[in-house]
N, C-alpha and C. Protein backbone atom coordinates (compact mmCIF):
# COMPACT_ATOMS: atom_id res chain seq x y z
N MET A 1 225.14 268.18 89.73
CA MET A 1 224.87 269.84 90.51
C MET A 1 224.06 270.10 90.92
N PHE A 2 223.02 268.69 90.43
CA PHE A 2 221.07 268.88 90.82
C PHE A 2 221.63 267.69 91.75
N SER A 3 222.36 267.19 91.97
CA SER A 3 222.71 266.04 92.78
C SER A 3 222.81 265.84 94.92
N GLN A 4 223.08 267.18 94.28
CA GLN A 4 224.01 267.66 95.91
C GLN A 4 222.87 268.55 96.75
N ILE A 5 221.63 269.11 95.68
CA ILE A 5 220.60 269.63 95.56
C ILE A 5 219.70 269.14 96.61
N PHE A 6 219.27 267.63 95.72
CA PHE A 6 219.27 266.27 96.47
C PHE A 6 219.05 265.54 96.72
N LYS A 7 220.77 266.15 98.12
CA LYS A 7 221.12 265.40 98.76
C LYS A 7 220.87 265.31 100.46
N GLY A 8 220.10 263.99 100.36
CA GLY A 8 219.23 264.15 101.92
C GLY A 8 218.11 264.40 102.44
N THR A 9 217.27 264.75 100.91
CA THR A 9 216.07 264.55 100.64
C THR A 9 215.16 263.19 100.60
N GLY A 10 216.52 261.61 100.34
CA GLY A 10 215.40 261.12 99.33
C GLY A 10 215.73 260.79 98.17
N LEU A 11 215.80 261.80 97.99
CA LEU A 11 215.05 262.27 95.83
C LEU A 11 215.97 261.77 95.11
N LYS A 12 215.65 261.07 93.96
CA LYS A 12 216.68 260.48 93.22
C LYS A 12 217.07 260.68 92.41
N LEU A 13 217.94 262.16 91.27
CA LEU A 13 217.29 261.49 90.24
C LEU A 13 218.11 260.57 89.19
N LYS A 14 216.94 260.22 88.28
CA LYS A 14 217.00 259.46 87.27
C LYS A 14 217.81 259.87 85.36
N SER A 15 219.13 259.05 85.63
CA SER A 15 218.97 259.96 84.60
C SER A 15 219.13 259.49 83.45
N GLU A 16 218.41 258.49 83.17
CA GLU A 16 218.22 257.52 81.60
C GLU A 16 216.89 258.96 81.16
N LYS A 17 216.39 258.26 79.82
CA LYS A 17 216.37 259.37 78.60
C LYS A 17 215.75 258.99 78.58
N LEU A 18 214.19 259.63 78.18
CA LEU A 18 212.98 259.04 78.33
C LEU A 18 212.71 259.10 76.33
N ASP A 19 212.77 257.93 76.36
CA ASP A 19 212.24 258.11 74.43
C ASP A 19 211.21 258.87 74.59
N ILE A 20 210.19 259.74 74.51
CA ILE A 20 208.86 260.71 73.94
C ILE A 20 209.12 261.17 72.90
N GLN A 21 208.76 261.08 71.69
CA GLN A 21 208.27 262.56 71.18
C GLN A 21 207.52 263.00 70.91
N PRO A 22 207.18 264.30 71.30
CA PRO A 22 205.53 264.83 70.44
C PRO A 22 205.58 265.35 69.17
N PRO A 23 203.98 265.42 69.26
CA PRO A 23 202.80 265.12 68.29
C PRO A 23 203.69 265.57 66.50
N LYS A 24 204.87 265.47 65.24
CA LYS A 24 205.03 266.02 64.74
C LYS A 24 203.70 266.88 63.72
N ASP A 25 203.62 268.10 63.96
CA ASP A 25 203.24 269.43 63.08
C ASP A 25 204.05 269.11 61.79
N LEU A 26 203.35 268.97 60.91
CA LEU A 26 203.01 268.69 59.25
C LEU A 26 203.99 269.70 59.26
N LEU A 27 203.13 270.90 59.61
CA LEU A 27 203.45 272.19 58.79
C LEU A 27 204.55 272.88 58.87
N LEU A 28 204.62 273.02 60.00
CA LEU A 28 206.25 273.40 60.94
C LEU A 28 207.52 272.79 60.39
N GLN A 29 206.93 271.24 59.64
CA GLN A 29 208.49 270.50 59.28
C GLN A 29 207.91 270.94 58.17
N LEU A 30 206.96 271.35 57.54
CA LEU A 30 207.71 271.85 55.71
C LEU A 30 207.89 272.81 55.97
N VAL A 31 207.50 273.86 56.12
CA VAL A 31 207.50 275.72 56.21
C VAL A 31 209.32 275.78 56.86
N SER A 32 210.12 274.45 58.05
CA SER A 32 211.71 274.98 58.08
C SER A 32 212.63 274.27 57.38
N LEU A 33 212.47 273.76 56.39
CA LEU A 33 212.75 273.01 54.98
C LEU A 33 212.02 273.81 53.96
N GLN A 34 211.71 274.91 54.06
CA GLN A 34 211.98 275.66 52.71
C GLN A 34 213.56 276.25 53.12
N LYS A 35 213.93 277.10 52.00
CA LYS A 35 215.60 277.34 51.57
C LYS A 35 214.98 278.96 51.01
N ALA A 36 215.65 278.94 51.60
CA ALA A 36 215.80 281.26 52.08
C ALA A 36 215.25 281.16 50.90
N SER A 37 215.32 280.96 49.38
CA SER A 37 214.81 281.84 48.34
C SER A 37 213.53 281.47 47.26
N GLY A 38 213.03 280.63 48.52
CA GLY A 38 212.09 280.28 48.67
C GLY A 38 211.07 278.73 48.26
N PHE A 39 212.45 277.33 48.19
CA PHE A 39 212.72 276.02 47.63
C PHE A 39 212.42 275.39 47.79
N TRP A 40 211.87 274.53 47.64
CA TRP A 40 212.34 272.62 49.05
C TRP A 40 213.32 272.13 48.29
N GLN A 41 213.99 270.51 48.72
CA GLN A 41 215.07 270.30 47.95
C GLN A 41 214.15 268.67 47.72
N LEU A 42 214.23 267.73 47.15
CA LEU A 42 213.61 266.33 47.20
C LEU A 42 214.56 266.17 48.32
N ASP A 43 213.93 265.92 49.17
CA ASP A 43 215.68 264.94 49.95
C ASP A 43 214.07 264.07 51.72
N ALA A 44 214.42 263.30 51.63
CA ALA A 44 213.98 262.16 52.57
C ALA A 44 212.90 262.90 53.98
N ASP A 45 213.03 263.34 54.05
CA ASP A 45 212.48 264.78 55.55
C ASP A 45 211.41 265.15 54.07
N LEU A 46 211.19 266.21 53.19
CA LEU A 46 210.03 266.94 52.70
C LEU A 46 209.58 265.22 52.56
N ALA A 47 209.58 264.26 51.90
CA ALA A 47 209.71 262.97 51.41
C ALA A 47 208.28 262.77 52.53
N ALA A 48 209.21 263.19 53.87
CA ALA A 48 208.24 262.27 55.50
C ALA A 48 206.79 262.65 55.64
N VAL A 49 206.40 264.26 55.15
CA VAL A 49 206.64 265.02 55.27
C VAL A 49 205.29 264.73 54.05
N PHE A 50 204.98 264.26 53.22
CA PHE A 50 203.85 263.79 52.31
C PHE A 50 203.70 262.80 52.79
N GLY A 51 204.31 261.38 53.81
CA GLY A 51 204.08 259.81 54.02
C GLY A 51 204.83 259.09 52.97
N LYS A 52 205.56 259.51 52.74
CA LYS A 52 205.85 259.17 50.96
C LYS A 52 208.21 258.81 51.33
N THR A 53 208.48 257.32 50.98
CA THR A 53 209.73 258.12 51.30
C THR A 53 210.59 259.22 49.65
N LYS A 54 212.09 259.24 50.18
CA LYS A 54 212.46 259.43 48.83
C LYS A 54 212.06 259.36 47.40
N LYS A 55 212.52 257.50 47.70
CA LYS A 55 212.10 256.94 46.53
C LYS A 55 210.80 256.82 45.76
N GLU A 56 210.33 257.09 47.01
CA GLU A 56 208.82 256.92 46.00
C GLU A 56 208.00 258.26 45.22
N VAL A 57 208.70 259.48 46.42
CA VAL A 57 208.34 260.79 45.76
C VAL A 57 209.29 260.73 44.58
N LYS A 58 210.99 260.23 43.88
CA LYS A 58 211.22 260.74 43.07
C LYS A 58 210.33 260.26 41.68
N LYS A 59 210.44 259.32 42.02
CA LYS A 59 209.89 257.74 41.05
C LYS A 59 208.49 258.54 39.73
N SER A 60 207.84 259.69 40.87
CA SER A 60 206.79 261.31 40.56
C SER A 60 207.42 261.46 39.25
N GLU A 61 208.56 261.92 39.36
CA GLU A 61 209.73 262.97 39.39
C GLU A 61 209.37 263.60 38.13
N PRO A 62 208.79 263.58 36.46
CA PRO A 62 209.68 263.99 35.27
C PRO A 62 210.40 264.71 34.78
N LYS A 63 210.81 263.81 33.99
CA LYS A 63 212.40 263.88 34.10
C LYS A 63 212.88 265.83 33.20
N SER A 64 211.57 266.05 33.01
CA SER A 64 212.44 267.72 32.46
C SER A 64 212.53 268.38 33.16
N VAL A 65 212.03 267.59 34.91
CA VAL A 65 212.07 269.12 35.42
C VAL A 65 213.07 268.69 36.52
N ASN A 66 213.74 269.88 37.27
CA ASN A 66 215.04 269.61 38.23
C ASN A 66 213.92 269.07 39.44
N ASN A 67 215.15 268.25 40.01
CA ASN A 67 214.88 268.33 41.92
C ASN A 67 213.89 269.06 42.78
N GLU A 68 214.33 270.62 42.82
CA GLU A 68 214.15 271.57 43.16
C GLU A 68 212.43 272.57 42.83
N VAL A 69 212.43 272.08 41.65
CA VAL A 69 211.22 272.68 40.82
C VAL A 69 210.14 271.18 41.33
N TRP A 70 210.71 270.29 41.06
CA TRP A 70 209.22 269.13 41.30
C TRP A 70 209.03 269.45 42.77
N ALA A 71 209.50 269.49 43.58
CA ALA A 71 210.06 269.28 45.07
C ALA A 71 208.64 270.50 45.95
N SER A 72 209.11 271.97 45.38
CA SER A 72 208.29 272.93 45.48
C SER A 72 207.03 272.82 45.35
N ILE A 73 206.94 271.91 43.77
CA ILE A 73 205.03 272.41 43.32
C ILE A 73 204.87 271.37 44.33
N LEU A 74 205.23 270.19 44.42
CA LEU A 74 204.85 269.04 45.49
C LEU A 74 204.51 269.89 46.82
N ALA A 75 205.24 270.33 47.57
CA ALA A 75 204.12 271.31 48.36
C ALA A 75 204.20 272.26 48.19
N LEU A 76 203.44 272.62 47.13
CA LEU A 76 201.84 273.41 47.31
C LEU A 76 201.54 272.60 46.68
N ILE A 77 201.34 271.93 46.29
CA ILE A 77 199.93 270.61 45.65
C ILE A 77 199.50 270.52 47.50
N TRP A 78 200.63 270.78 48.38
CA TRP A 78 200.41 269.01 49.64
C TRP A 78 199.27 271.29 50.61
N LEU A 79 200.41 271.85 50.53
CA LEU A 79 200.02 272.23 51.56
C LEU A 79 198.57 272.78 51.08
N HIS A 80 198.36 273.38 49.67
CA HIS A 80 196.67 273.51 49.36
C HIS A 80 195.60 272.78 49.91
N GLY A 81 196.24 271.07 49.85
CA GLY A 81 195.41 270.04 49.65
C GLY A 81 195.02 269.60 51.06
N PHE A 82 196.23 269.83 51.68
CA PHE A 82 195.68 269.12 53.51
C PHE A 82 196.41 271.10 54.70
N LYS A 83 196.44 271.92 53.93
CA LYS A 83 196.24 272.68 54.98
C LYS A 83 195.12 274.31 55.41
N MET A 84 194.78 273.60 54.02
CA MET A 84 193.69 274.72 53.81
C MET A 84 193.41 275.19 55.04
N ASP A 85 193.37 274.89 55.85
CA ASP A 85 192.60 275.57 57.42
C ASP A 85 194.07 276.21 58.60
N ALA A 86 194.93 276.73 57.14
CA ALA A 86 196.14 276.81 58.45
C ALA A 86 196.59 277.95 57.23
N LYS A 87 195.98 278.42 56.14
CA LYS A 87 196.35 279.50 54.96
C LYS A 87 196.79 280.64 55.48
N GLU A 88 196.06 281.01 55.78
CA GLU A 88 196.83 283.14 56.64
C GLU A 88 198.39 281.97 57.01
N GLU A 89 198.29 281.28 57.63
CA GLU A 89 200.24 281.03 58.23
C GLU A 89 201.01 280.13 57.42
N TRP A 90 200.71 280.17 55.62
CA TRP A 90 201.35 279.87 54.47
C TRP A 90 201.74 280.44 53.71
N GLU A 91 200.54 281.74 54.01
CA GLU A 91 200.25 282.07 52.25
C GLU A 91 201.52 283.30 51.47
N LEU A 92 202.02 284.47 52.47
CA LEU A 92 203.51 284.24 52.08
C LEU A 92 204.45 283.77 51.69
N LEU A 93 204.63 282.18 52.08
CA LEU A 93 205.47 281.36 51.87
C LEU A 93 204.98 280.76 50.33
N THR A 94 204.31 281.08 50.34
CA THR A 94 203.42 280.03 48.43
C THR A 94 203.74 281.53 47.83
N MET A 95 203.73 282.12 48.19
CA MET A 95 203.52 283.74 46.89
C MET A 95 205.00 283.44 46.69
N LYS A 96 206.21 283.92 47.71
CA LYS A 96 208.14 283.17 47.38
C LYS A 96 207.37 282.30 46.82
N THR A 97 207.36 281.07 46.91
CA THR A 97 207.66 279.77 46.20
C THR A 97 207.27 279.83 44.54
N ALA A 98 206.33 280.53 44.35
CA ALA A 98 205.66 280.10 42.49
C ALA A 98 206.29 281.48 42.03
N THR A 99 207.14 282.98 42.76
CA THR A 99 208.53 283.73 41.92
C THR A 99 209.02 283.30 41.80
N TRP A 100 209.72 281.92 43.21
CA TRP A 100 210.87 280.74 42.07
C TRP A 100 210.96 280.58 41.16
N ILE A 101 209.66 279.56 41.00
CA ILE A 101 209.06 278.89 40.15
C ILE A 101 209.53 279.20 39.09
N LYS A 102 208.40 280.51 39.29
CA LYS A 102 208.73 281.50 37.69
C LYS A 102 209.93 281.94 37.23
N ALA A 103 210.87 281.42 37.49
CA ALA A 103 212.20 282.44 37.83
C ALA A 103 212.78 281.39 36.92
N GLN A 104 212.38 280.27 37.26
CA GLN A 104 213.71 278.92 36.52
C GLN A 104 212.54 278.80 35.59
N ASN A 105 211.29 279.06 35.38
CA ASN A 105 211.12 278.86 33.67
C ASN A 105 211.64 278.51 32.62
N GLY A 106 213.10 279.65 32.57
CA GLY A 106 213.77 279.73 31.70
C GLY A 106 215.08 279.20 32.49
N ASN A 107 215.02 278.40 33.24
CA ASN A 107 216.34 277.58 33.24
C ASN A 107 215.74 276.27 33.08
N THR A 108 214.34 275.66 32.58
CA THR A 108 214.29 274.48 32.58
C THR A 108 214.43 273.73 30.57
N ASP A 109 214.43 272.68 30.42
CA ASP A 109 213.59 271.83 28.79
C ASP A 109 212.56 272.15 28.24
N ASN A 110 211.48 271.57 29.62
CA ASN A 110 210.82 272.03 29.93
C ASN A 110 209.62 272.91 29.96
N GLN A 111 209.10 274.34 29.06
CA GLN A 111 208.96 275.44 29.75
C GLN A 111 207.52 275.18 30.03
N GLN A 112 206.93 274.37 29.27
CA GLN A 112 205.95 274.56 29.18
C GLN A 112 204.66 273.64 29.79
N GLU A 113 205.75 273.24 30.68
CA GLU A 113 204.67 271.10 32.03
C GLU A 113 205.27 272.42 33.48
N ILE A 114 205.57 273.49 33.16
CA ILE A 114 206.08 274.73 34.49
C ILE A 114 204.89 275.93 34.02
N ALA A 115 204.89 276.10 33.19
CA ALA A 115 203.42 277.32 33.69
C ALA A 115 202.68 276.43 33.66
N VAL A 116 202.03 275.26 33.17
CA VAL A 116 200.70 274.04 33.55
C VAL A 116 200.31 274.08 34.73
N VAL A 117 201.54 273.60 35.31
CA VAL A 117 201.77 273.65 36.85
C VAL A 117 200.64 274.93 37.08
N ILE A 118 202.07 276.00 37.63
CA ILE A 118 201.70 277.89 38.21
C ILE A 118 200.32 277.92 37.53
N GLY A 119 199.44 278.22 36.20
CA GLY A 119 198.44 277.83 35.73
C GLY A 119 197.49 277.45 37.15
N VAL A 120 197.25 275.77 37.52
CA VAL A 120 196.63 275.23 38.30
C VAL A 120 196.77 275.57 39.13
N LEU A 121 197.37 276.32 39.67
CA LEU A 121 197.65 277.03 41.51
C LEU A 121 197.18 277.65 41.17
N LYS A 122 197.40 279.56 40.54
CA LYS A 122 196.48 280.38 39.97
C LYS A 122 195.36 279.88 39.92
N LYS A 123 194.64 279.12 39.11
CA LYS A 123 193.64 279.18 39.62
C LYS A 123 192.76 278.23 40.61
N THR A 124 193.91 277.19 41.37
CA THR A 124 193.11 277.39 42.44
C THR A 124 193.46 277.98 43.74
N VAL A 125 193.89 279.33 43.93
CA VAL A 125 193.90 280.04 44.72
C VAL A 125 193.31 281.00 44.03
N LEU A 126 192.50 280.92 43.01
CA LEU A 126 191.63 281.84 42.53
C LEU A 126 190.83 282.24 43.55
N GLU A 127 190.52 280.18 42.67
CA GLU A 127 189.07 280.09 43.14
C GLU A 127 188.82 279.78 45.12
N GLU A 128 189.35 279.96 44.82
CA GLU A 128 189.36 279.88 47.09
C GLU A 128 189.08 281.09 47.13
N LYS A 129 189.26 282.95 47.14
CA LYS A 129 189.41 283.33 47.12
C LYS A 129 187.58 284.07 46.92
N ASP A 130 187.22 282.76 46.00
CA ASP A 130 185.42 283.70 45.18
C ASP A 130 185.12 283.69 45.80
């Protein structure tokens, strides 16, 4: 189709695929990985946002916390640690995640561990508002 448009003009179309990657927006990647109910899954894509491999992230996971809870906690920590300048963009997203994590509290063996993490996150949020 396009070759006929340029026929007789001396212009030639190249069908080469350019391997140009746009800069990665890590915040956008993280947001796109969040599930509808508010959690993240611990996978290679999430680990890449953190600049780690899935194996590296998995090593730090407490045995008493499931993958989704741990991944969601790490996502919240990353947002608070690295994307405070864009807080208005992700603030509602984190409230959804915190609500999901609280709902999981009864589904884990170590409720106290999750409660401590939620407490730390709440304290961080409250300190930021002052």
